[in-house]
Amino acid sequence: MNGEDANVNLVDLMGRLIEPEVPAPVSLVPQTAGWWVLGALVLTALAYALWRGWLHWRANAYRRTALAALATAGNDPAAIAAILRRTALAAYPRREVAGLAGPDWVAFLNATGGFPEALGPALIRAPYAREAGAADLRAAAIRWIRGHRRAS
């Protein structure tokens, strides 16, 4: 250091500093094709998932309708039996469901959605006679509507 620099104070040295240049802005756009391909795949998968979800929601409209009808039917066994029949006709081919009656009807409900066979007699007599235990029948109908396996 020469003698002239020795007498300079820190404030003067800071005044001699040169501001660095501002760097160019960094682009946030992906620079490689792989990111574009990945983005297209993600968007395609999302569109497919939304489409499948919409199809599933639309295919189960009959379940929502049946559950709404059960809510308005209360514990009327005749109404519950009719709602079960309409729901089965919406979910399965008419030739498989329309001719079923009595124990065959209860066996069909049990095979397709686990309807309790113990409630079979109450369901069979429901259109003709009111019986105690309609709340159990209603709960079993709700479980069957929500859980039955739909025909392919």
C-alpha atoms as a PDB file:
ATOM      1  CA  MET A   1       0.000   0.000   0.000  1.00  0.00           C
ATOM      2  CA  ASN A   2       1.253   3.396  -0.803  1.00  0.00           C
ATOM      3  CA  GLY A   3       0.972   6.307   1.542  1.00  0.00           C
ATOM      4  CA  GLU A   4      -1.973   7.859  -0.242  1.00  0.00           C
ATOM      5  CA  ASP A   5      -4.212   4.794   0.301  1.00  0.00           C
ATOM      6  CA  ALA A   6      -3.308   4.627   3.969  1.00  0.00           C
ATOM      7  CA  ASN A   7      -5.095   7.904   4.703  1.00  0.00           C
ATOM      8  CA  VAL A   8      -8.367   6.863   3.034  1.00  0.00           C
ATOM      9  CA  ASN A   9     -11.148   5.997   5.406  1.00  0.00           C
ATOM     10  CA  LEU A  10     -13.734   3.258   5.004  1.00  0.00           C
ATOM     11  CA  VAL A  11     -16.492   5.597   3.829  1.00  0.00           C
ATOM     12  CA  ASP A  12     -14.321   6.768   0.931  1.00  0.00           C
ATOM     13  CA  LEU A  13     -13.511   3.173   0.014  1.00  0.00           C
ATOM     14  CA  MET A  14     -17.188   2.287  -0.033  1.00  0.00           C
ATOM     15  CA  GLY A  15     -17.803   5.215  -2.356  1.00  0.00           C
ATOM     16  CA  ARG A  16     -15.322   3.752  -4.854  1.00  0.00           C
ATOM     17  CA  LEU A  17     -17.248   0.447  -5.115  1.00  0.00           C
ATOM     18  CA  ILE A  18     -18.801  -0.242  -8.492  1.00  0.00           C
ATOM     19  CA  GLU A  19     -22.370  -1.580  -8.583  1.00  0.00           C
ATOM     20  CA  PRO A  20     -22.492  -5.004 -10.216  1.00  0.00           C
ATOM     21  CA  GLU A  21     -24.581  -5.437 -13.326  1.00  0.00           C
ATOM     22  CA  VAL A  22     -28.094  -6.784 -12.833  1.00  0.00           C
ATOM     23  CA  PRO A  23     -28.179 -10.349 -14.144  1.00  0.00           C
ATOM     24  CA  ALA A  24     -30.582 -11.278 -16.907  1.00  0.00           C
ATOM     25  CA  PRO A  25     -33.898 -12.642 -15.607  1.00  0.00           C
ATOM     26  CA  VAL A  26     -34.086 -16.396 -15.302  1.00  0.00           C
ATOM     27  CA  SER A  27     -36.767 -17.974 -17.494  1.00  0.00           C
ATOM     28  CA  LEU A  28     -39.245 -20.233 -15.703  1.00  0.00           C
ATOM     29  CA  VAL A  29     -40.233 -21.980 -18.926  1.00  0.00           C
ATOM     30  CA  PRO A  30     -38.909 -25.549 -19.059  1.00  0.00           C
ATOM     31  CA  GLN A  31     -35.957 -25.725 -21.422  1.00  0.00           C
ATOM     32  CA  THR A  32     -36.086 -29.435 -22.263  1.00  0.00           C
ATOM     33  CA  ALA A  33     -38.702 -31.462 -24.122  1.00  0.00           C
ATOM     34  CA  GLY A  34     -38.989 -33.965 -21.277  1.00  0.00           C
ATOM     35  CA  TRP A  35     -40.815 -31.450 -19.095  1.00  0.00           C
ATOM     36  CA  TRP A  36     -43.269 -30.691 -21.903  1.00  0.00           C
ATOM     37  CA  VAL A  37     -43.931 -34.407 -22.368  1.00  0.00           C
ATOM     38  CA  LEU A  38     -44.379 -34.897 -18.617  1.00  0.00           C
ATOM     39  CA  GLY A  39     -46.762 -31.936 -18.478  1.00  0.00           C
ATOM     40  CA  ALA A  40     -48.802 -33.348 -21.354  1.00  0.00           C
ATOM     41  CA  LEU A  41     -48.957 -36.751 -19.647  1.00  0.00           C
ATOM     42  CA  VAL A  42     -50.097 -35.212 -16.357  1.00  0.00           C
ATOM     43  CA  LEU A  43     -52.798 -33.162 -18.107  1.00  0.00           C
ATOM     44  CA  THR A  44     -53.951 -36.231 -20.052  1.00  0.00           C
ATOM     45  CA  ALA A  45     -54.109 -38.323 -16.870  1.00  0.00           C
ATOM     46  CA  LEU A  46     -56.049 -35.574 -15.085  1.00  0.00           C
ATOM     47  CA  ALA A  47     -58.515 -35.259 -17.975  1.00  0.00           C
ATOM     48  CA  TYR A  48     -58.982 -39.041 -18.051  1.00  0.00           C
ATOM     49  CA  ALA A  49     -59.569 -39.174 -14.279  1.00  0.00           C
ATOM     50  CA  LEU A  50     -62.144 -36.376 -14.496  1.00  0.00           C
ATOM     51  CA  TRP A  51     -63.904 -38.101 -17.403  1.00  0.00           C
ATOM     52  CA  ARG A  52     -64.022 -41.446 -15.542  1.00  0.00           C
ATOM     53  CA  GLY A  53     -65.285 -39.700 -12.399  1.00  0.00           C
ATOM     54  CA  TRP A  54     -68.034 -38.008 -14.386  1.00  0.00           C
ATOM     55  CA  LEU A  55     -69.038 -41.335 -15.990  1.00  0.00           C
ATOM     56  CA  HIS A  56     -69.127 -42.996 -12.560  1.00  0.00           C
ATOM     57  CA  TRP A  57     -71.212 -40.174 -11.100  1.00  0.00           C
ATOM     58  CA  ARG A  58     -73.621 -40.342 -14.043  1.00  0.00           C
ATOM     59  CA  ALA A  59     -73.872 -44.143 -13.920  1.00  0.00           C
ATOM     60  CA  ASN A  60     -74.882 -43.994 -10.257  1.00  0.00           C
ATOM     61  CA  ALA A  61     -77.682 -41.466 -10.708  1.00  0.00           C
ATOM     62  CA  TYR A  62     -80.243 -44.235 -10.164  1.00  0.00           C
ATOM     63  CA  ARG A  63     -78.703 -44.911  -6.708  1.00  0.00           C
ATOM     64  CA  ARG A  64     -79.023 -41.268  -5.697  1.00  0.00           C
ATOM     65  CA  THR A  65     -82.621 -41.221  -6.924  1.00  0.00           C
ATOM     66  CA  ALA A  66     -83.447 -44.397  -4.999  1.00  0.00           C
ATOM     67  CA  LEU A  67     -81.873 -43.079  -1.791  1.00  0.00           C
ATOM     68  CA  ALA A  68     -83.833 -39.841  -2.125  1.00  0.00           C
ATOM     69  CA  ALA A  69     -87.041 -41.858  -2.632  1.00  0.00           C
ATOM     70  CA  LEU A  70     -86.230 -43.926   0.472  1.00  0.00           C
ATOM     71  CA  ALA A  71     -85.783 -40.740   2.457  1.00  0.00           C
ATOM     72  CA  THR A  72     -89.287 -39.616   1.518  1.00  0.00           C
ATOM     73  CA  ALA A  73     -90.816 -43.099   1.942  1.00  0.00           C
ATOM     74  CA  GLY A  74     -89.998 -43.257   5.621  1.00  0.00           C
ATOM     75  CA  ASN A  75     -90.711 -46.694   7.114  1.00  0.00           C
ATOM     76  CA  ASP A  76     -93.470 -47.698   4.706  1.00  0.00           C
ATOM     77  CA  PRO A  77     -92.616 -51.322   3.787  1.00  0.00           C
ATOM     78  CA  ALA A  78     -94.663 -51.260   0.565  1.00  0.00           C
ATOM     79  CA  ALA A  79     -92.812 -48.158  -0.655  1.00  0.00           C
ATOM     80  CA  ILE A  80     -89.466 -49.680   0.326  1.00  0.00           C
ATOM     81  CA  ALA A  81     -90.249 -52.864  -1.626  1.00  0.00           C
ATOM     82  CA  ALA A  82     -91.261 -50.834  -4.693  1.00  0.00           C
ATOM     83  CA  ILE A  83     -88.095 -48.716  -4.500  1.00  0.00           C
ATOM     84  CA  LEU A  84     -85.945 -51.842  -4.282  1.00  0.00           C
ATOM     85  CA  ARG A  85     -87.686 -53.285  -7.334  1.00  0.00           C
ATOM     86  CA  ARG A  86     -87.240 -50.070  -9.364  1.00  0.00           C
ATOM     87  CA  THR A  87     -83.589 -49.852  -8.379  1.00  0.00           C
ATOM     88  CA  ALA A  88     -82.938 -53.455  -9.393  1.00  0.00           C
ATOM     89  CA  LEU A  89     -84.679 -52.862 -12.722  1.00  0.00           C
ATOM     90  CA  ALA A  90     -82.440 -49.831 -13.322  1.00  0.00           C
ATOM     91  CA  ALA A  91     -79.252 -51.717 -12.442  1.00  0.00           C
ATOM     92  CA  TYR A  92     -79.863 -55.120 -14.017  1.00  0.00           C
ATOM     93  CA  PRO A  93     -81.373 -56.356 -17.267  1.00  0.00           C
ATOM     94  CA  ARG A  94     -85.172 -56.536 -17.114  1.00  0.00           C
ATOM     95  CA  ARG A  95     -85.200 -60.223 -18.125  1.00  0.00           C
ATOM     96  CA  GLU A  96     -83.173 -61.075 -14.994  1.00  0.00           C
ATOM     97  CA  VAL A  97     -85.225 -59.067 -12.500  1.00  0.00           C
ATOM     98  CA  ALA A  98     -88.798 -58.594 -13.689  1.00  0.00           C
ATOM     99  CA  GLY A  99     -89.926 -62.187 -13.211  1.00  0.00           C
ATOM    100  CA  LEU A 100     -88.453 -62.656  -9.745  1.00  0.00           C
ATOM    101  CA  ALA A 101     -90.840 -63.018  -6.829  1.00  0.00           C
ATOM    102  CA  GLY A 102     -90.870 -64.428  -3.328  1.00  0.00           C
ATOM    103  CA  PRO A 103     -87.777 -66.317  -2.196  1.00  0.00           C
ATOM    104  CA  ASP A 104     -86.161 -65.949  -5.641  1.00  0.00           C
ATOM    105  CA  TRP A 105     -86.392 -62.163  -5.316  1.00  0.00           C
ATOM    106  CA  VAL A 106     -84.787 -62.216  -1.857  1.00  0.00           C
ATOM    107  CA  ALA A 107     -82.073 -64.631  -3.069  1.00  0.00           C
ATOM    108  CA  PHE A 108     -81.316 -62.256  -5.967  1.00  0.00           C
ATOM    109  CA  LEU A 109     -81.004 -59.298  -3.586  1.00  0.00           C
ATOM    110  CA  ASN A 110     -78.781 -61.347  -1.295  1.00  0.00           C
ATOM    111  CA  ALA A 111     -76.555 -62.540  -4.155  1.00  0.00           C
ATOM    112  CA  THR A 112     -76.100 -59.094  -5.679  1.00  0.00           C
ATOM    113  CA  GLY A 113     -75.701 -56.961  -2.575  1.00  0.00           C
ATOM    114  CA  GLY A 114     -75.896 -58.961   0.620  1.00  0.00           C
ATOM    115  CA  PHE A 115     -79.529 -58.248   1.487  1.00  0.00           C
ATOM    116  CA  PRO A 116     -80.250 -60.127   4.756  1.00  0.00           C
ATOM    117  CA  GLU A 117     -82.317 -63.241   4.137  1.00  0.00           C
ATOM    118  CA  ALA A 118     -83.867 -62.874   7.598  1.00  0.00           C
ATOM    119  CA  LEU A 119     -85.731 -59.804   6.286  1.00  0.00           C
ATOM    120  CA  GLY A 120     -86.944 -61.744   3.249  1.00  0.00           C
ATOM    121  CA  PRO A 121     -90.393 -62.607   4.638  1.00  0.00           C
ATOM    122  CA  ALA A 122     -90.996 -58.982   5.645  1.00  0.00           C
ATOM    123  CA  LEU A 123     -89.985 -57.815   2.159  1.00  0.00           C
ATOM    124  CA  ILE A 124     -92.180 -60.395   0.433  1.00  0.00           C
ATOM    125  CA  ARG A 125     -95.229 -59.459   2.515  1.00  0.00           C
ATOM    126  CA  ALA A 126     -94.471 -55.713   2.457  1.00  0.00           C
ATOM    127  CA  PRO A 127     -96.853 -54.779  -0.382  1.00  0.00           C
ATOM    128  CA  TYR A 128     -99.721 -56.626   1.310  1.00  0.00           C
ATOM    129  CA  ALA A 129     -99.341 -56.161   5.058  1.00  0.00           C
ATOM    130  CA  ARG A 130     -97.618 -53.687   7.305  1.00  0.00           C
ATOM    131  CA  GLU A 131     -95.335 -55.350   9.787  1.00  0.00           C
ATOM    132  CA  ALA A 132     -93.098 -54.308  12.607  1.00  0.00           C
ATOM    133  CA  GLY A 133     -89.419 -54.046  11.718  1.00  0.00           C
ATOM    134  CA  ALA A 134     -89.821 -51.663   8.801  1.00  0.00           C
ATOM    135  CA  ALA A 135     -86.858 -49.661  10.090  1.00  0.00           C
ATOM    136  CA  ASP A 136     -84.663 -52.754   9.690  1.00  0.00           C
ATOM    137  CA  LEU A 137     -86.062 -53.250   6.196  1.00  0.00           C
ATOM    138  CA  ARG A 138     -85.297 -49.628   5.338  1.00  0.00           C
ATOM    139  CA  ALA A 139     -81.723 -49.905   6.652  1.00  0.00           C
ATOM    140  CA  ALA A 140     -81.168 -53.117   4.665  1.00  0.00           C
ATOM    141  CA  ALA A 141     -82.566 -51.435   1.545  1.00  0.00           C
ATOM    142  CA  ILE A 142     -80.168 -48.510   1.984  1.00  0.00           C
ATOM    143  CA  ARG A 143     -77.225 -50.898   2.367  1.00  0.00           C
ATOM    144  CA  TRP A 144     -78.290 -52.856  -0.725  1.00  0.00           C
ATOM    145  CA  ILE A 145     -78.756 -49.726  -2.854  1.00  0.00           C
ATOM    146  CA  ARG A 146     -75.353 -48.367  -1.855  1.00  0.00           C
ATOM    147  CA  GLY A 147     -73.463 -51.640  -2.095  1.00  0.00           C
ATOM    148  CA  HIS A 148     -74.928 -53.860  -4.804  1.00  0.00           C
ATOM    149  CA  ARG A 149     -72.759 -54.833  -7.729  1.00  0.00           C
ATOM    150  CA  ARG A 150     -74.159 -53.426 -10.937  1.00  0.00           C
ATOM    151  CA  ALA A 151     -74.552 -55.615 -14.015  1.00  0.00           C
ATOM    152  CA  SER A 152     -71.828 -55.195 -16.629  1.00  0.00           C
END
